[in-house]
C-alpha atoms as a PDB file:
ATOM      1  CA  MET A   1      97.296 128.013  96.557  1.00  0.00           C
ATOM      2  CA  ILE A   2      96.444 131.117  98.557  1.00  0.00           C
ATOM      3  CA  CYS A   3      97.720 131.997 102.029  1.00  0.00           C
ATOM      4  CA  PRO A   4      94.821 132.146 104.520  1.00  0.00           C
ATOM      5  CA  LYS A   5      96.576 134.834 106.567  1.00  0.00           C
ATOM      6  CA  CYS A   6      97.704 137.415 104.007  1.00  0.00           C
ATOM      7  CA  GLY A   7      96.042 136.241 100.751  1.00  0.00           C
ATOM      8  CA  SER A   8      99.303 135.932  98.784  1.00  0.00           C
ATOM      9  CA  ASN A   9      99.807 133.434  95.931  1.00  0.00           C
ATOM     10  CA  SER A  10     103.486 132.933  96.738  1.00  0.00           C
ATOM     11  CA  VAL A  11     103.207 129.630  98.652  1.00  0.00           C
ATOM     12  CA  ASN A  12     105.575 126.634  98.706  1.00  0.00           C
ATOM     13  CA  VAL A  13     104.495 123.131  99.726  1.00  0.00           C
ATOM     14  CA  GLN A  14     107.057 120.955 101.531  1.00  0.00           C
ATOM     15  CA  ALA A  15     107.007 117.342 102.732  1.00  0.00           C
ATOM     16  CA  VAL A  16     108.114 116.948 106.355  1.00  0.00           C
ATOM     17  CA  SER A  17     108.808 113.594 108.012  1.00  0.00           C
ATOM     18  CA  ASN A  18     108.206 113.192 111.748  1.00  0.00           C
ATOM     19  CA  VAL A  19     109.921 110.291 113.520  1.00  0.00           C
ATOM     20  CA  HIS A  20     108.408 108.867 116.713  1.00  0.00           C
ATOM     21  CA  THR A  21     109.949 106.184 118.944  1.00  0.00           C
ATOM     22  CA  LYS A  22     108.094 104.085 121.442  1.00  0.00           C
ATOM     23  CA  ARG A  23     109.555 104.307 124.939  1.00  0.00           C
ATOM     24  CA  LYS A  24     108.766 102.646 128.230  1.00  0.00           C
ATOM     25  CA  GLY A  25     106.500 104.513 130.614  1.00  0.00           C
ATOM     26  CA  ILE A  26     107.354 105.763 134.091  1.00  0.00           C
ATOM     27  CA  LEU A  27     105.217 103.100 135.761  1.00  0.00           C
ATOM     28  CA  TRP A  28     107.117 100.344 133.957  1.00  0.00           C
ATOM     29  CA  TRP A  29     110.426 101.762 135.208  1.00  0.00           C
ATOM     30  CA  LEU A  30     109.129 102.179 138.775  1.00  0.00           C
ATOM     31  CA  PHE A  31     107.729  98.661 139.135  1.00  0.00           C
ATOM     32  CA  ILE A  32     109.698  96.465 136.704  1.00  0.00           C
ATOM     33  CA  GLY A  33     112.542  98.267 134.948  1.00  0.00           C
ATOM     34  CA  TRP A  34     114.712  99.120 137.949  1.00  0.00           C
ATOM     35  CA  TRP A  35     115.266  95.428 138.768  1.00  0.00           C
ATOM     36  CA  TRP A  36     114.681  93.707 135.401  1.00  0.00           C
ATOM     37  CA  VAL A  37     117.248  95.617 133.335  1.00  0.00           C
ATOM     38  CA  PRO A  38     120.247  94.855 135.644  1.00  0.00           C
ATOM     39  CA  ILE A  39     119.200  91.188 135.980  1.00  0.00           C
ATOM     40  CA  LYS A  40     118.826  90.915 132.209  1.00  0.00           C
ATOM     41  CA  TRP A  41     122.307  92.334 131.623  1.00  0.00           C
ATOM     42  CA  PHE A  42     123.994  90.192 134.300  1.00  0.00           C
ATOM     43  CA  CYS A  43     122.263  86.888 133.494  1.00  0.00           C
ATOM     44  CA  PHE A  44     121.634  87.162 129.782  1.00  0.00           C
ATOM     45  CA  PHE A  45     124.483  89.415 128.679  1.00  0.00           C
ATOM     46  CA  TRP A  46     125.267  87.816 125.303  1.00  0.00           C
ATOM     47  CA  LEU A  47     121.640  87.363 124.312  1.00  0.00           C
ATOM     48  CA  ALA A  48     120.804  90.892 125.402  1.00  0.00           C
ATOM     49  CA  LEU A  49     123.803  92.246 123.496  1.00  0.00           C
ATOM     50  CA  LEU A  50     122.734  90.466 120.300  1.00  0.00           C
ATOM     51  CA  ALA A  51     119.147  91.627 120.775  1.00  0.00           C
ATOM     52  CA  LYS A  52     120.343  95.212 121.287  1.00  0.00           C
ATOM     53  CA  ILE A  53     122.522  95.120 118.165  1.00  0.00           C
ATOM     54  CA  PHE A  54     120.247  93.224 115.783  1.00  0.00           C
ATOM     55  CA  GLY A  55     116.840  93.831 117.359  1.00  0.00           C
ATOM     56  CA  SER A  56     114.202  95.866 115.649  1.00  0.00           C
ATOM     57  CA  LYS A  57     113.527  99.416 116.713  1.00  0.00           C
ATOM     58  CA  LYS A  58     109.993 100.602 117.291  1.00  0.00           C
ATOM     59  CA  ILE A  59     110.112 103.658 115.086  1.00  0.00           C
ATOM     60  CA  LYS A  60     107.119 105.223 113.375  1.00  0.00           C
ATOM     61  CA  THR A  61     107.586 107.747 110.576  1.00  0.00           C
ATOM     62  CA  ASP A  62     104.816 110.096 109.488  1.00  0.00           C
ATOM     63  CA  ILE A  63     105.099 112.209 106.356  1.00  0.00           C
ATOM     64  CA  GLU A  64     103.050 115.391 106.331  1.00  0.00           C
ATOM     65  CA  ALA A  65     102.754 118.192 103.786  1.00  0.00           C
ATOM     66  CA  TYR A  66     103.114 121.767 104.994  1.00  0.00           C
ATOM     67  CA  ALA A  67     102.491 124.915 102.996  1.00  0.00           C
ATOM     68  CA  VAL A  68     104.660 127.957 103.753  1.00  0.00           C
ATOM     69  CA  CYS A  69     103.797 131.474 102.625  1.00  0.00           C
ATOM     70  CA  GLN A  70     106.820 133.292 101.182  1.00  0.00           C
ATOM     71  CA  ASN A  71     105.477 136.750 102.058  1.00  0.00           C
ATOM     72  CA  CYS A  72     104.373 136.488 105.701  1.00  0.00           C
ATOM     73  CA  GLY A  73     105.998 133.172 106.775  1.00  0.00           C
ATOM     74  CA  TYR A  74     102.730 131.575 107.907  1.00  0.00           C
ATOM     75  CA  LYS A  75     102.719 127.765 107.695  1.00  0.00           C
ATOM     76  CA  TRP A  76      99.852 125.275 107.766  1.00  0.00           C
ATOM     77  CA  ARG A  77      99.290 121.608 107.181  1.00  0.00           C
ATOM     78  CA  THR A  78      97.675 120.763 103.840  1.00  0.00           C
END
């Protein structure tokens, strides 16, 4: 593989994993979250606690390959 910036052959390819979590939006917190979360914890404490401990997380993992030039340090996605 050849570096597009300097033309060197000294290039390493590395796998990089990116982790993304899904979060609530600002509109949800403004209209629903500010009153729903306290009510949920006061009324449904044990169920909410079990759901928090054993519930599934909304996590997305992407694996991408990046090439890094050893001479100039330029990196790009392959």
